[in-house]
Protein backbone atom coordinates (compact mmCIF):
# COMPACT_ATOMS: atom_id res chain seq x y z
CA UNK A 1 -24.57 17.68 35.54
CA UNK A 2 -24.24 17.73 31.75
CA UNK A 3 -20.56 16.83 31.87
CA UNK A 4 -21.04 13.05 32.05
CA UNK A 5 -23.50 12.82 29.11
CA UNK A 6 -21.19 15.05 27.05
CA UNK A 7 -18.21 12.83 27.84
CA UNK A 8 -20.24 9.75 26.92
CA UNK A 9 -21.28 11.39 23.63
CA UNK A 10 -17.65 12.31 22.89
CA UNK A 11 -16.47 8.74 23.59
CA UNK A 12 -19.29 7.35 21.45
CA UNK A 13 -18.37 9.58 18.49
CA UNK A 14 -14.69 8.72 18.89
CA UNK A 15 -15.50 5.00 19.01
CA UNK A 16 -17.68 5.22 15.90
CA UNK A 17 -14.96 7.08 14.00
CA UNK A 18 -12.33 4.55 15.01
CA UNK A 19 -14.64 1.79 13.84
CA UNK A 20 -15.34 3.57 10.53
CA UNK A 21 -11.63 4.05 9.84
CA UNK A 22 -10.84 0.49 11.03
CA UNK A 23 -8.24 1.51 13.58
CA UNK A 24 -8.24 -1.87 15.30
CA UNK A 25 -7.94 -3.89 12.08
CA UNK A 26 -5.16 -1.63 10.79
CA UNK A 27 -3.33 -1.46 14.12
CA UNK A 28 -3.25 2.32 14.28
CA UNK A 29 -4.36 5.21 16.52
CA UNK A 30 -5.15 8.92 16.36
CA UNK A 31 -1.66 10.10 17.29
CA UNK A 32 0.03 7.96 14.67
CA UNK A 33 -2.45 8.95 11.94
CA UNK A 34 -2.18 12.68 12.63
CA UNK A 35 1.61 12.54 12.73
CA UNK A 36 1.59 10.59 9.46
CA UNK A 37 -0.72 13.15 7.84
CA UNK A 38 1.59 15.95 8.94
CA UNK A 39 4.55 14.06 7.51
CA UNK A 40 2.83 13.64 4.13
CA UNK A 41 1.90 17.32 4.06
CA UNK A 42 5.38 18.58 4.90
CA UNK A 43 6.93 16.24 2.33
CA UNK A 44 4.66 17.42 -0.51
CA UNK A 45 4.08 21.03 0.58
CA UNK A 46 6.51 22.17 -2.13
CA UNK A 47 3.62 21.85 -4.59
CA UNK A 48 2.02 24.97 -3.06
CA UNK A 49 4.81 27.02 -4.63
CA UNK A 50 6.13 24.89 -7.49
CA UNK A 51 2.76 24.38 -9.20
CA UNK A 52 1.88 28.11 -9.25
CA UNK A 53 5.40 28.97 -10.47
CA UNK A 54 4.95 26.64 -13.46
CA UNK A 55 1.36 27.59 -14.30
CA UNK A 56 2.13 31.30 -13.89
CA UNK A 57 4.19 31.06 -17.09
CA UNK A 58 0.92 30.58 -18.99
CA UNK A 59 -0.26 34.00 -17.80
CA UNK A 60 -2.37 32.65 -14.95
CA UNK A 61 -2.31 34.94 -11.86
CA UNK A 62 0.20 33.56 -9.35
CA UNK A 63 -1.80 34.21 -6.18
CA UNK A 64 -4.91 32.65 -7.73
CA UNK A 65 -3.06 29.45 -8.61
CA UNK A 66 -1.63 29.26 -5.08
CA UNK A 67 -5.17 29.39 -3.70
CA UNK A 68 -6.45 26.90 -6.29
CA UNK A 69 -3.57 24.51 -5.54
CA UNK A 70 -4.30 24.56 -1.80
CA UNK A 71 -8.05 24.21 -2.33
CA UNK A 72 -7.99 21.24 -4.72
CA UNK A 73 -5.27 19.46 -2.70
CA UNK A 74 -7.39 19.93 0.42
CA UNK A 75 -10.56 18.76 -1.33
CA UNK A 76 -8.93 15.72 -2.95
CA UNK A 77 -7.12 14.59 0.20
CA UNK A 78 -10.20 15.08 2.41
CA UNK A 79 -12.37 13.15 -0.05
CA UNK A 80 -9.81 10.35 -0.33
CA UNK A 81 -9.56 10.12 3.45
CA UNK A 82 -13.22 10.42 4.39
CA UNK A 83 -14.83 8.64 1.43
CA UNK A 84 -12.23 6.09 0.32
CA UNK A 85 -10.58 5.81 3.76
CA UNK A 86 -7.02 5.49 2.47
CA UNK A 87 -3.81 7.35 3.47
CA UNK A 88 -3.29 8.77 -0.02
CA UNK A 89 -2.99 12.54 -0.51
CA UNK A 90 -3.79 14.33 -3.77
CA UNK A 91 -2.60 17.55 -5.41
CA UNK A 92 -1.90 18.94 -8.91
CA UNK A 93 0.47 16.50 -10.57
CA UNK A 94 4.07 17.36 -11.38
CA UNK A 95 4.75 16.58 -15.04
CA UNK A 96 1.13 17.15 -15.95
CA UNK A 97 1.45 20.80 -14.92
CA UNK A 98 4.58 21.08 -17.08
CA UNK A 99 2.75 19.48 -20.02
CA UNK A 100 -0.15 21.90 -19.44
CA UNK A 101 2.19 24.91 -19.49
CA UNK A 102 4.98 24.18 -21.93
CA UNK A 103 3.27 21.90 -24.47
CA UNK A 104 -0.41 22.84 -24.49
CA UNK A 105 -0.32 26.58 -23.75
CA UNK A 106 3.13 27.67 -24.93
CA UNK A 107 3.97 25.29 -27.78
CA UNK A 108 0.43 24.87 -29.13
CA UNK A 109 -0.69 28.44 -28.31
CA UNK A 110 -3.83 27.24 -26.55
CA UNK A 111 -5.24 29.82 -24.07
CA UNK A 112 -4.95 28.68 -20.46
CA UNK A 113 -8.71 28.94 -20.06
CA UNK A 114 -9.16 26.46 -22.91
CA UNK A 115 -6.48 24.16 -21.48
CA UNK A 116 -8.40 24.14 -18.18
CA UNK A 117 -11.45 23.12 -20.22
CA UNK A 118 -9.48 20.12 -21.52
CA UNK A 119 -8.55 19.18 -17.93
CA UNK A 120 -12.23 19.38 -16.97
CA UNK A 121 -13.21 17.09 -19.88
CA UNK A 122 -10.53 14.57 -18.87
CA UNK A 123 -11.86 14.62 -15.31
CA UNK A 124 -15.42 13.94 -16.50
CA UNK A 125 -14.07 11.15 -18.72
CA UNK A 126 -12.37 9.68 -15.64
CA UNK A 127 -15.66 9.72 -13.75
CA UNK A 128 -17.42 7.98 -16.65
CA UNK A 129 -14.65 5.35 -17.03
CA UNK A 130 -14.85 4.69 -13.29
CA UNK A 131 -18.66 4.45 -13.34
CA UNK A 132 -18.61 1.82 -16.10
CA UNK A 133 -15.77 -0.09 -14.42
CA UNK A 134 -13.02 0.43 -17.02
CA UNK A 135 -10.46 1.91 -14.62
CA UNK A 136 -11.08 -0.86 -12.10
CA UNK A 137 -10.52 -3.44 -14.87
CA UNK A 138 -7.24 -1.76 -15.81
CA UNK A 139 -5.98 -1.91 -12.22
CA UNK A 140 -7.00 -5.57 -12.00
CA UNK A 141 -5.30 -6.31 -15.33
CA UNK A 142 -1.84 -5.56 -13.92
CA UNK A 143 -0.36 -8.93 -12.86
CA UNK A 144 -0.13 -8.95 -9.08
CA UNK A 145 3.34 -10.49 -9.39
CA UNK A 146 4.50 -7.11 -10.72
CA UNK A 147 3.08 -5.10 -7.83
CA UNK A 148 6.31 -5.41 -5.85
CA UNK A 149 8.30 -4.19 -8.85
CA UNK A 150 6.10 -1.10 -9.16
CA UNK A 151 6.59 -0.34 -5.46
CA UNK A 152 10.36 -0.80 -5.72
CA UNK A 153 10.64 1.24 -8.94
CA UNK A 154 8.74 4.10 -7.35
CA UNK A 155 10.93 3.77 -4.27
CA UNK A 156 14.01 4.32 -6.46
CA UNK A 157 12.18 7.17 -8.20
CA UNK A 158 11.47 8.87 -4.87
CA UNK A 159 15.06 8.36 -3.71
CA UNK A 160 16.40 9.78 -6.99
CA UNK A 161 14.24 12.89 -6.60
CA UNK A 162 15.49 13.25 -3.03
CA UNK A 163 19.14 12.89 -4.08
CA UNK A 164 18.63 15.44 -6.85
CA UNK A 165 16.86 17.90 -4.57
CA UNK A 166 19.64 17.47 -2.02
CA UNK A 167 22.28 18.28 -4.64
CA UNK A 168 24.00 14.93 -4.03
CA UNK A 169 23.27 13.90 -7.64
CA UNK A 170 23.30 16.41 -10.51
CA UNK A 171 22.84 16.22 -14.27
CA UNK A 172 25.82 15.55 -16.53
CA UNK A 173 26.08 15.74 -20.32
CA UNK A 174 28.82 13.12 -20.35
CA UNK A 175 27.41 10.52 -17.92
CA UNK A 176 23.74 11.59 -17.56
CA UNK A 177 24.18 11.98 -13.80
CA UNK A 178 27.17 12.55 -11.54
CA UNK A 179 28.12 13.51 -8.01
CA UNK A 180 27.17 17.01 -6.94
CA UNK A 181 29.18 19.46 -4.85
CA UNK A 182 29.11 17.87 -1.42
CA UNK A 183 30.65 21.01 0.09
CA UNK A 184 27.70 23.19 -0.90
CA UNK A 185 25.94 24.45 2.26
CA UNK A 186 22.50 23.24 1.15
CA UNK A 187 23.86 19.80 0.27
CA UNK A 188 25.61 19.59 3.63
CA UNK A 189 22.32 20.55 5.29
CA UNK A 190 20.51 17.79 3.38
CA UNK A 191 23.16 15.24 4.37
CA UNK A 192 22.80 16.32 8.00
CA UNK A 193 19.03 15.90 7.67
CA UNK A 194 19.50 12.41 6.22
CA UNK A 195 21.68 11.43 9.18
CA UNK A 196 19.16 12.88 11.64
CA UNK A 197 16.21 10.98 10.12
CA UNK A 198 18.25 7.76 9.81
CA UNK A 199 19.32 8.04 13.46
CA UNK A 200 15.73 8.63 14.58
CA UNK A 201 14.65 5.55 12.61
CA UNK A 202 17.47 3.54 14.15
CA UNK A 203 16.17 4.50 17.59
CA UNK A 204 12.62 3.65 16.43
CA UNK A 205 11.35 7.13 17.26
CA UNK A 206 7.71 7.70 16.27
CA UNK A 207 7.28 10.46 13.71
CA UNK A 208 10.96 10.19 12.76
CA UNK A 209 10.47 11.67 9.28
CA UNK A 210 8.42 14.67 10.44
CA UNK A 211 10.76 15.34 13.36
CA UNK A 212 13.74 15.05 11.03
CA UNK A 213 12.27 17.55 8.56
CA UNK A 214 11.54 20.04 11.35
CA UNK A 215 14.99 19.55 12.92
CA UNK A 216 16.69 20.07 9.55
CA UNK A 217 14.62 23.22 8.95
CA UNK A 218 15.67 24.55 12.37
CA UNK A 219 19.30 23.75 11.52
CA UNK A 220 18.93 25.59 8.21
CA UNK A 221 17.50 28.65 9.96
CA UNK A 222 20.38 28.61 12.46
CA UNK A 223 22.97 28.58 9.66
CA UNK A 224 21.16 31.09 7.45
CA UNK A 225 20.21 28.58 4.72
CA UNK A 226 16.46 29.29 4.80
CA UNK A 227 15.72 32.09 2.34
CA UNK A 228 12.18 33.03 3.22
CA UNK A 229 10.28 35.89 1.59
CA UNK A 230 6.84 36.20 3.20
CA UNK A 231 3.99 36.96 0.82
CA UNK A 232 0.32 37.42 1.55
CA UNK A 233 -2.20 35.04 0.02
CA UNK A 234 -5.92 35.10 0.40
CA UNK A 235 -8.67 32.72 -0.59
CA UNK A 236 -10.26 35.64 -2.46
CA UNK A 237 -7.37 35.51 -4.93
CA UNK A 238 -8.87 32.37 -6.44
CA UNK A 239 -11.55 34.45 -8.19
CA UNK A 240 -8.99 35.31 -10.88
CA UNK A 241 -9.00 31.68 -12.12
CA UNK A 242 -12.08 30.01 -10.61
CA UNK A 243 -14.71 29.13 -13.22
CA UNK A 244 -12.60 30.76 -15.95
CA UNK A 245 -12.23 27.47 -17.84
CA UNK A 246 -13.44 27.37 -21.45
CA UNK A 247 -15.04 23.97 -22.06
CA UNK A 248 -16.67 24.97 -25.34
CA UNK A 249 -13.31 26.25 -26.56
CA UNK A 250 -11.63 22.97 -25.67
CA UNK A 251 -14.26 21.06 -27.65
CA UNK A 252 -14.04 23.39 -30.65
CA UNK A 253 -10.23 23.18 -30.68
CA UNK A 254 -10.54 19.43 -31.12
CA UNK A 255 -8.12 18.81 -28.27
CA UNK A 256 -8.57 15.03 -28.32
CA UNK A 257 -4.81 14.43 -28.17
CA UNK A 258 -4.42 16.74 -25.15
CA UNK A 259 -7.33 15.18 -23.29
CA UNK A 260 -5.89 11.73 -24.06
CA UNK A 261 -2.49 12.66 -22.62
CA UNK A 262 -4.11 14.04 -19.46
CA UNK A 263 -6.13 10.83 -19.21
CA UNK A 264 -3.30 8.40 -19.98
CA UNK A 265 -0.59 9.87 -17.75
CA UNK A 266 -2.95 10.53 -14.84
CA UNK A 267 -4.46 7.06 -15.09
CA UNK A 268 -1.19 5.15 -14.95
CA UNK A 269 0.52 7.49 -12.51
CA UNK A 270 -2.47 6.97 -10.23
CA UNK A 271 -2.39 3.20 -10.72
CA UNK A 272 1.34 3.11 -9.96
CA UNK A 273 0.96 5.25 -6.86
CA UNK A 274 -2.00 3.18 -5.70
CA UNK A 275 -0.10 -0.08 -6.12
CA UNK A 276 3.07 1.26 -4.44
CA UNK A 277 1.36 2.87 -1.45
CA UNK A 278 -1.07 -0.05 -1.14
CA UNK A 279 1.83 -2.48 -1.14
CA UNK A 280 3.77 -0.53 1.47
CA UNK A 281 0.73 -0.07 3.72
CA UNK A 282 -0.35 -3.71 3.28
CA UNK A 283 -3.76 -2.67 1.93
CA UNK A 284 -4.15 -5.56 -0.52
CA UNK A 285 -6.41 -8.41 0.51
CA UNK A 286 -5.79 -12.14 0.04
CA UNK A 287 -6.98 -11.92 -3.58
CA UNK A 288 -4.40 -9.18 -4.33
CA UNK A 289 -7.16 -6.60 -4.65
CA UNK A 290 -7.64 -3.27 -2.89
CA UNK A 291 -11.01 -2.96 -1.10
CA UNK A 292 -13.11 0.10 -1.99
CA UNK A 293 -11.05 0.77 -5.11
CA UNK A 294 -14.10 2.42 -6.72
CA UNK A 295 -14.03 5.09 -4.03
CA UNK A 296 -10.33 5.75 -4.61
CA UNK A 297 -10.87 6.23 -8.34
CA UNK A 298 -13.94 8.40 -7.86
CA UNK A 299 -12.00 10.58 -5.41
CA UNK A 300 -9.13 11.41 -7.76
CA UNK A 301 -11.49 11.96 -10.72
CA UNK A 302 -13.65 14.33 -8.67
CA UNK A 303 -10.53 16.17 -7.48
CA UNK A 304 -9.44 16.73 -11.09
CA UNK A 305 -12.85 18.20 -11.96
CA UNK A 306 -12.74 20.51 -8.91
CA UNK A 307 -9.16 21.47 -9.73
CA UNK A 308 -10.09 22.54 -13.26
CA UNK A 309 -13.00 24.58 -11.91
CA UNK A 310 -10.74 26.23 -9.32
CA UNK A 311 -7.98 26.96 -11.81
CA UNK A 312 -5.21 24.36 -11.84
CA UNK A 313 -3.99 21.41 -13.89
CA UNK A 314 -4.81 17.73 -13.38
CA UNK A 315 -4.98 16.53 -9.76
CA UNK A 316 -3.44 13.15 -9.04
CA UNK A 317 -2.42 10.85 -6.19
CA UNK A 318 0.96 11.77 -4.73
CA UNK A 319 3.69 9.21 -4.22
CA UNK A 320 4.89 11.36 -1.29
CA UNK A 321 1.97 9.71 0.52
CA UNK A 322 4.48 6.89 1.05
CA UNK A 323 6.24 9.17 3.56
CA UNK A 324 3.08 9.23 5.68
CA UNK A 325 2.72 5.47 5.37
CA UNK A 326 6.35 5.08 6.44
CA UNK A 327 5.47 7.19 9.49
CA UNK A 328 2.73 4.69 10.37
CA UNK A 329 -0.30 6.05 8.50
CA UNK A 330 -2.76 3.34 7.55
CA UNK A 331 -6.25 4.89 7.46
CA UNK A 332 -8.09 7.78 5.86
CA UNK A 333 -7.33 9.97 8.89
CA UNK A 334 -3.80 10.40 7.49
CA UNK A 335 -5.17 11.87 4.24
CA UNK A 336 -7.75 13.94 6.12
CA UNK A 337 -4.99 15.48 8.25
CA UNK A 338 -3.04 16.30 5.09
CA UNK A 339 -6.16 17.86 3.55
CA UNK A 340 -6.84 20.02 6.61
CA UNK A 341 -3.23 21.25 6.54
CA UNK A 342 -3.52 22.13 2.85
CA UNK A 343 -6.65 24.14 3.63
CA UNK A 344 -4.83 25.88 6.48
CA UNK A 345 -2.00 26.65 4.04
CA UNK A 346 -4.38 29.04 2.28
CA UNK A 347 -3.86 31.34 5.24
CA UNK A 348 -0.31 30.48 6.29
CA UNK A 349 1.34 29.76 2.94
CA UNK A 350 4.35 31.98 3.78
CA UNK A 351 5.10 29.79 6.82
CA UNK A 352 4.99 26.65 4.69
CA UNK A 353 7.49 28.32 2.39
CA UNK A 354 10.01 28.41 5.24
CA UNK A 355 10.63 24.65 4.89
CA UNK A 356 13.65 24.32 2.56
CA UNK A 357 14.08 21.64 -0.08
CA UNK A 358 17.16 20.48 1.80
CA UNK A 359 14.87 19.46 4.67
CA UNK A 360 12.39 17.44 2.61
CA UNK A 361 14.96 15.80 0.30
CA UNK A 362 16.35 13.49 3.04
CA UNK A 363 12.81 12.32 3.83
CA UNK A 364 12.34 11.21 0.22
CA UNK A 365 15.64 9.31 0.27
CA UNK A 366 14.68 7.47 3.46
CA UNK A 367 11.20 6.63 2.15
CA UNK A 368 12.79 5.26 -1.03
CA UNK A 369 15.07 3.05 1.03
CA UNK A 370 12.11 1.64 2.95
CA UNK A 371 10.31 0.68 -0.28
CA UNK A 372 13.26 -1.35 -1.60
CA UNK A 373 12.33 -4.13 0.82
CA UNK A 374 9.69 -5.30 -1.68
CA UNK A 375 12.45 -6.64 -3.97
CA UNK A 376 12.47 -9.84 -1.88
CA UNK A 377 8.92 -10.58 -3.04
CA UNK A 378 9.87 -10.84 -6.72
CA UNK A 379 10.54 -14.42 -8.02
CA UNK A 380 13.85 -13.57 -9.69
CA UNK A 381 14.33 -17.13 -10.93
CA UNK A 382 11.28 -16.85 -13.22
CA UNK A 383 12.15 -14.77 -16.33
CA UNK A 384 8.45 -14.28 -17.11
CA UNK A 385 8.25 -12.10 -13.99
CA UNK A 386 11.83 -11.04 -13.31
CA UNK A 387 12.52 -9.41 -16.71
CA UNK A 388 9.32 -7.25 -16.76
CA UNK A 389 9.90 -6.49 -13.06
CA UNK A 390 13.47 -5.38 -13.77
CA UNK A 391 12.28 -3.13 -16.62
CA UNK A 392 9.70 -1.52 -14.33
CA UNK A 393 12.26 -0.96 -11.57
CA UNK A 394 14.78 0.51 -14.00
CA UNK A 395 12.60 2.66 -16.26
CA UNK A 396 10.44 4.39 -13.64
CA UNK A 397 13.37 6.38 -12.19
CA UNK A 398 15.42 6.65 -15.40
CA UNK A 399 12.53 8.02 -17.50
CA UNK A 400 11.21 10.05 -14.55
CA UNK A 401 7.77 8.58 -15.21
CA UNK A 402 5.65 6.00 -13.40
CA UNK A 403 3.51 5.63 -16.54
CA UNK A 404 6.57 4.80 -18.69
CA UNK A 405 7.76 2.19 -16.22
CA UNK A 406 4.39 0.48 -16.17
CA UNK A 407 4.28 0.58 -19.96
CA UNK A 408 7.68 -1.11 -20.40
CA UNK A 409 7.06 -3.80 -17.80
CA UNK A 410 3.48 -4.51 -18.83
CA UNK A 411 4.35 -4.78 -22.53
CA UNK A 412 7.33 -7.07 -21.81
CA UNK A 413 5.12 -9.31 -19.66
CA UNK A 414 2.57 -9.73 -22.48
CA UNK A 415 5.25 -10.40 -25.11
CA UNK A 416 6.90 -13.03 -22.89
CA UNK A 417 3.52 -14.67 -22.25
CA UNK A 418 3.00 -14.99 -25.99
CA UNK A 419 6.56 -16.22 -26.56
CA UNK A 420 6.10 -18.96 -23.96
CA UNK A 421 2.86 -20.10 -25.61
CA UNK A 422 0.65 -18.93 -22.76
CA UNK A 423 -1.24 -16.36 -24.83
CA UNK A 424 -4.62 -17.98 -24.01
CA UNK A 425 -4.15 -17.14 -20.31
CA UNK A 426 -3.99 -13.42 -21.10
CA UNK A 427 -7.27 -11.51 -21.12
CA UNK A 428 -8.39 -9.29 -23.99
CA UNK A 429 -7.98 -6.19 -21.81
CA UNK A 430 -4.33 -7.00 -21.19
CA UNK A 431 -3.77 -7.25 -24.95
CA UNK A 432 -5.65 -3.99 -25.49
CA UNK A 433 -3.51 -2.21 -22.91
CA UNK A 434 -0.31 -3.64 -24.38
CA UNK A 435 -1.38 -2.40 -27.83
CA UNK A 436 -2.14 1.01 -26.33
CA UNK A 437 1.30 1.13 -24.71
CA UNK A 438 3.02 0.15 -27.98
CA UNK A 439 1.04 2.82 -29.86
CA UNK A 440 2.15 5.33 -27.24
CA UNK A 441 5.80 4.33 -27.69
CA UNK A 442 5.46 4.77 -31.47
CA UNK A 443 3.81 8.17 -30.97
CA UNK A 444 6.49 9.35 -28.54
CA UNK A 445 9.25 8.01 -30.77
CA UNK A 446 7.82 9.92 -33.73
CA UNK A 447 8.08 13.12 -31.72
């Protein structure tokens, strides 16, 4: 006799959740969101092993960093999904972890505990900048006409990473890049995966990217191309890095430059990812603004603080979230699903390691191709927009940096505004950011 009330309660909770996550407005459902979250997770699961491998070179215990990576990715993605209600997953940022290891710890001889203290300070600074509205102003300062260029540039960036991971494109001293060995078994596997995913898309199969990754993994296992070495990880391993950060040491070292780099790169990588994913998922409103942007910025800042406490480098929004959006993800349930899977990875990390790079590389190529559609939104006949847009599209993949691409395009836009005599229409913040970008170029050039 309790079955009917329980069913009514279940339906009521489900209805309230669907209303909270705006399923009807976004045109989505539970199945689509969960599949999208799984797609995002599988596409970015490499970070569970790549981040610890990089940070381990500082002397940090490998197993502890694996646990910290899973924990902060789970926390950040769950917070982004439940609090901000967006399909954006978070994890320790690639590039920032390399800067942490090779520049801060190795080149500058800063202990990893002190470097974690600098990450913590940058996270607190992010929270303060968000609370006073500075980060929101920076996002709003980017001309909305350039949003499509950011999305397209990141699309090319994603595709380039996929082509490199697949072995289709390799480095060359003579021509920068060149064709890889297309007869290599892993490259052939990646090409097969690309054809599988493309065919599934052509047939409009739901979950095409996730199914393609799993099918390619199965194909790799069948042909002996999955080299899997199971290792045991436990959440208890995190005690070797958790709360080992040295905040006082970071302050006494005078690591202003390091904190600034963490702040600058994370800020503009996040902005670029936010614009690209928001554009692809059609999250912008009529005024070209993203609703609840405060919650998005609070979420990634809080994740960075938690990451430093757990024992990993700066946590940032992942552009691989675009894979989940391409799979139909539109609400926070996508990010929540990704977060739950990252938490589960604490206990099944060896299984996650069975997914080869050759299986995820085709997914990145396909996602990149989907994002190129935004090129049609750029007014190519207007040099004031087309030249900065072109610089953004070109420099994001070629410099391997979203922040660099934004810097080139943003600075060019301001200079062209001045040259055309429209300097009064540019706000003081835009000039301040342009000056900051130019100072950064001078600093990098002096290196």
